């Protein structure tokens, strides 16, 4: 199956405040943009992915990610939060690509590896809807829907349980840690750096003395 990915990017000034308070005072907007750029670049390098649509109202993020080859979809009128933005993005891309599978992907996966993402998408193609839990086992980093199937995103908080309850099939693959490793805390960042982050994140975090033990 061929896929279009929908990646939500919140305003950079509001992003990653919990992380930057601990990570040696790294600049939150620059860090969030680096995460998103490394995520989008890796996704575009994944074989089953035809294109990536970034849902954002942030001009700086939109310009940077469009330069990488992503399509920018404005946030829906009236806002409505993350799930409304994802549903809007899915509807928008399906107007152009009705035969594609649609999958959401978190924007904070700086260690994302195209081959691992490809394995996840190939597995998801077996089901009408499927999702991948995050590394903590509480949230979701990817939700996929086959052509003609409503995405029905239920992100934020304990989204793993909500997606399972909605009938989506949980993806049980081992060895796809880079697709699970979203970054919200300093421990998450340490774990992502240990996996091997993309060049933009590496440029910001290179030489950074992160405190505390690594996650995992």
Protein backbone atom coordinates (compact mmCIF):
# COMPACT_ATOMS: atom_id res chain seq x y z
CA UNK A 1 0.00 0.00 0.00
CA UNK A 2 1.09 3.55 -0.74
CA UNK A 3 0.76 6.04 2.11
CA UNK A 4 0.31 9.72 2.73
CA UNK A 5 1.44 10.78 6.19
CA UNK A 6 -0.14 13.58 8.19
CA UNK A 7 2.24 15.25 10.66
CA UNK A 8 0.86 17.85 13.10
CA UNK A 9 3.15 20.68 14.18
CA UNK A 10 1.95 23.05 16.89
CA UNK A 11 3.16 26.68 17.10
CA UNK A 12 6.87 26.48 17.80
CA UNK A 13 6.71 28.99 20.64
CA UNK A 14 4.41 26.61 22.54
CA UNK A 15 6.36 23.44 21.87
CA UNK A 16 8.48 21.30 24.20
CA UNK A 17 8.33 23.58 27.25
CA UNK A 18 8.51 20.59 29.60
CA UNK A 19 11.63 19.31 27.87
CA UNK A 20 13.62 22.52 27.63
CA UNK A 21 13.25 23.33 31.31
CA UNK A 22 15.55 20.39 32.03
CA UNK A 23 17.70 19.95 28.94
CA UNK A 24 20.34 22.59 29.65
CA UNK A 25 17.93 25.35 28.63
CA UNK A 26 17.87 24.41 24.97
CA UNK A 27 15.69 26.77 22.90
CA UNK A 28 12.26 25.17 22.65
CA UNK A 29 11.23 26.52 19.22
CA UNK A 30 14.52 25.54 17.58
CA UNK A 31 14.42 22.10 19.19
CA UNK A 32 10.82 21.47 18.15
CA UNK A 33 11.60 22.51 14.58
CA UNK A 34 14.67 20.26 14.48
CA UNK A 35 12.61 17.31 15.70
CA UNK A 36 9.93 17.97 13.09
CA UNK A 37 12.42 18.44 10.26
CA UNK A 38 14.28 15.22 11.07
CA UNK A 39 10.96 13.37 11.36
CA UNK A 40 9.65 14.66 8.03
CA UNK A 41 12.94 14.05 6.21
CA UNK A 42 13.05 10.44 7.43
CA UNK A 43 9.40 9.89 6.54
CA UNK A 44 9.93 11.19 3.00
CA UNK A 45 12.84 8.74 2.63
CA UNK A 46 10.58 5.78 3.49
CA UNK A 47 9.69 3.60 0.49
CA UNK A 48 5.91 3.18 1.05
CA UNK A 49 5.45 6.92 1.71
CA UNK A 50 4.39 8.92 -1.33
CA UNK A 51 4.11 12.25 0.44
CA UNK A 52 3.86 14.01 3.78
CA UNK A 53 1.32 16.65 4.73
CA UNK A 54 2.21 18.91 7.65
CA UNK A 55 -0.74 20.46 9.45
CA UNK A 56 0.43 23.69 11.03
CA UNK A 57 -0.38 27.33 11.49
CA UNK A 58 3.22 28.24 12.23
CA UNK A 59 4.80 30.10 9.28
CA UNK A 60 8.38 29.28 10.25
CA UNK A 61 7.66 25.56 10.61
CA UNK A 62 5.61 25.52 7.43
CA UNK A 63 8.35 27.13 5.36
CA UNK A 64 11.10 24.89 6.72
CA UNK A 65 9.16 21.67 6.23
CA UNK A 66 7.90 22.66 2.79
CA UNK A 67 11.54 23.17 1.79
CA UNK A 68 12.12 19.51 2.64
CA UNK A 69 9.31 18.45 0.31
CA UNK A 70 6.29 18.31 2.62
CA UNK A 71 2.93 19.76 1.69
CA UNK A 72 1.65 22.31 4.22
CA UNK A 73 -2.01 22.13 5.22
CA UNK A 74 -3.32 25.08 7.25
CA UNK A 75 -4.95 24.27 10.58
CA UNK A 76 -8.75 23.99 10.45
CA UNK A 77 -10.74 27.18 11.02
CA UNK A 78 -11.73 27.55 14.63
CA UNK A 79 -8.98 25.32 15.95
CA UNK A 80 -10.35 22.37 17.90
CA UNK A 81 -7.09 20.85 19.09
CA UNK A 82 -4.86 18.05 17.90
CA UNK A 83 -7.51 15.52 16.90
CA UNK A 84 -9.45 18.10 14.90
CA UNK A 85 -6.24 19.08 13.11
CA UNK A 86 -5.44 15.46 12.28
CA UNK A 87 -8.96 14.72 11.03
CA UNK A 88 -8.82 17.87 8.90
CA UNK A 89 -5.44 16.87 7.51
CA UNK A 90 -6.68 13.38 6.66
CA UNK A 91 -9.74 14.72 4.86
CA UNK A 92 -7.62 17.22 2.94
CA UNK A 93 -5.07 14.71 1.68
CA UNK A 94 -7.77 12.22 0.71
CA UNK A 95 -9.30 14.76 -1.61
CA UNK A 96 -6.09 14.49 -3.64
CA UNK A 97 -5.05 10.90 -2.89
CA UNK A 98 -8.21 8.82 -2.34
CA UNK A 99 -6.40 5.56 -3.10
CA UNK A 100 -3.67 6.07 -0.51
CA UNK A 101 -3.61 4.84 3.02
CA UNK A 102 -3.44 7.72 5.48
CA UNK A 103 -1.37 7.63 8.65
CA UNK A 104 -0.67 10.24 11.28
CA UNK A 105 2.87 10.48 12.60
CA UNK A 106 4.08 12.44 15.61
CA UNK A 107 6.40 15.33 14.79
CA UNK A 108 8.80 14.59 17.65
CA UNK A 109 10.52 11.44 16.40
CA UNK A 110 14.04 12.78 15.75
CA UNK A 111 15.60 9.29 15.64
CA UNK A 112 13.10 8.01 13.06
CA UNK A 113 14.54 5.41 10.68
CA UNK A 114 12.87 5.03 7.28
CA UNK A 115 13.23 1.23 7.24
CA UNK A 116 11.51 0.86 10.62
CA UNK A 117 8.70 3.18 9.56
CA UNK A 118 8.30 1.09 6.42
CA UNK A 119 7.89 -2.08 8.49
CA UNK A 120 5.23 -0.42 10.62
CA UNK A 121 3.29 0.80 7.58
CA UNK A 122 3.51 -2.58 5.85
CA UNK A 123 2.05 -4.23 8.95
CA UNK A 124 -0.67 -1.58 9.24
CA UNK A 125 -1.73 -2.24 5.64
CA UNK A 126 -3.23 -5.56 6.77
CA UNK A 127 -5.97 -3.82 8.79
CA UNK A 128 -8.63 -1.13 8.26
CA UNK A 129 -7.12 0.86 11.14
CA UNK A 130 -3.95 0.22 13.13
CA UNK A 131 -1.80 2.08 15.63
CA UNK A 132 1.63 1.97 17.23
CA UNK A 133 2.05 2.67 20.93
CA UNK A 134 4.78 5.01 22.09
CA UNK A 135 7.86 3.87 24.00
CA UNK A 136 6.14 4.57 27.32
CA UNK A 137 3.24 2.28 26.39
CA UNK A 138 0.66 4.97 27.15
CA UNK A 139 0.38 7.16 24.07
CA UNK A 140 0.42 6.64 20.30
CA UNK A 141 2.99 7.71 17.74
CA UNK A 142 1.27 6.45 14.58
CA UNK A 143 -2.35 5.82 13.60
CA UNK A 144 -3.10 4.40 10.15
CA UNK A 145 -6.27 3.97 8.13
CA UNK A 146 -6.78 2.13 4.85
CA UNK A 147 -8.38 3.87 1.85
CA UNK A 148 -12.06 4.47 2.51
CA UNK A 149 -11.71 4.06 6.29
CA UNK A 150 -12.14 7.01 8.64
CA UNK A 151 -9.00 7.81 10.59
CA UNK A 152 -10.87 8.68 13.83
CA UNK A 153 -7.88 10.01 15.79
CA UNK A 154 -8.07 9.97 19.61
CA UNK A 155 -4.68 11.37 20.59
CA UNK A 156 -3.44 13.09 23.74
CA UNK A 157 -3.06 11.47 27.12
CA UNK A 158 -3.77 7.73 27.26
CA UNK A 159 -4.40 7.42 23.55
CA UNK A 160 -3.15 3.83 23.33
CA UNK A 161 -6.17 2.62 25.30
CA UNK A 162 -8.58 4.85 23.38
CA UNK A 163 -7.33 3.72 19.98
CA UNK A 164 -7.56 0.08 21.04
CA UNK A 165 -11.09 0.62 22.35
CA UNK A 166 -12.06 2.23 19.03
CA UNK A 167 -11.28 -1.01 17.21
CA UNK A 168 -7.89 -0.11 15.77
CA UNK A 169 -5.42 -3.01 15.71
CA UNK A 170 -2.31 -2.49 17.82
CA UNK A 171 0.94 -3.03 15.90
CA UNK A 172 3.06 -5.47 17.94
CA UNK A 173 6.30 -5.28 15.99
CA UNK A 174 9.59 -5.49 17.88
CA UNK A 175 12.66 -3.53 16.85
CA UNK A 176 10.88 -0.40 15.65
CA UNK A 177 12.02 1.73 18.56
CA UNK A 178 12.74 4.76 16.40
CA UNK A 179 9.05 4.96 15.45
CA UNK A 180 8.00 4.69 19.11
CA UNK A 181 10.54 7.12 20.58
CA UNK A 182 8.78 10.44 20.81
CA UNK A 183 10.48 13.10 22.91
CA UNK A 184 8.70 14.92 25.73
CA UNK A 185 11.26 14.80 28.53
CA UNK A 186 15.00 14.96 28.98
CA UNK A 187 15.09 11.19 29.52
CA UNK A 188 13.27 10.77 26.19
CA UNK A 189 15.84 13.00 24.51
CA UNK A 190 18.71 10.99 25.96
CA UNK A 191 17.12 7.79 24.65
CA UNK A 192 16.59 9.30 21.20
CA UNK A 193 20.19 10.52 21.06
CA UNK A 194 21.33 7.01 22.03
CA UNK A 195 19.36 5.60 19.08
CA UNK A 196 20.89 8.17 16.73
CA UNK A 197 19.02 11.36 15.92
CA UNK A 198 18.81 13.12 12.60
CA UNK A 199 21.26 15.86 11.57
CA UNK A 200 19.21 18.86 12.69
CA UNK A 201 18.61 17.52 16.16
CA UNK A 202 22.22 16.37 16.38
CA UNK A 203 23.42 19.87 15.54
CA UNK A 204 21.46 21.29 18.46
CA UNK A 205 22.23 18.58 20.99
CA UNK A 206 25.81 17.76 20.04
CA UNK A 207 28.04 18.06 23.05
CA UNK A 208 25.08 18.65 25.34
CA UNK A 209 25.63 17.26 28.82
CA UNK A 210 22.20 15.87 29.59
CA UNK A 211 21.76 15.13 33.24
CA UNK A 212 20.47 11.95 34.81
CA UNK A 213 20.39 8.32 33.66
CA UNK A 214 19.30 7.36 30.17
CA UNK A 215 15.77 6.08 29.72
CA UNK A 216 15.10 2.39 29.32
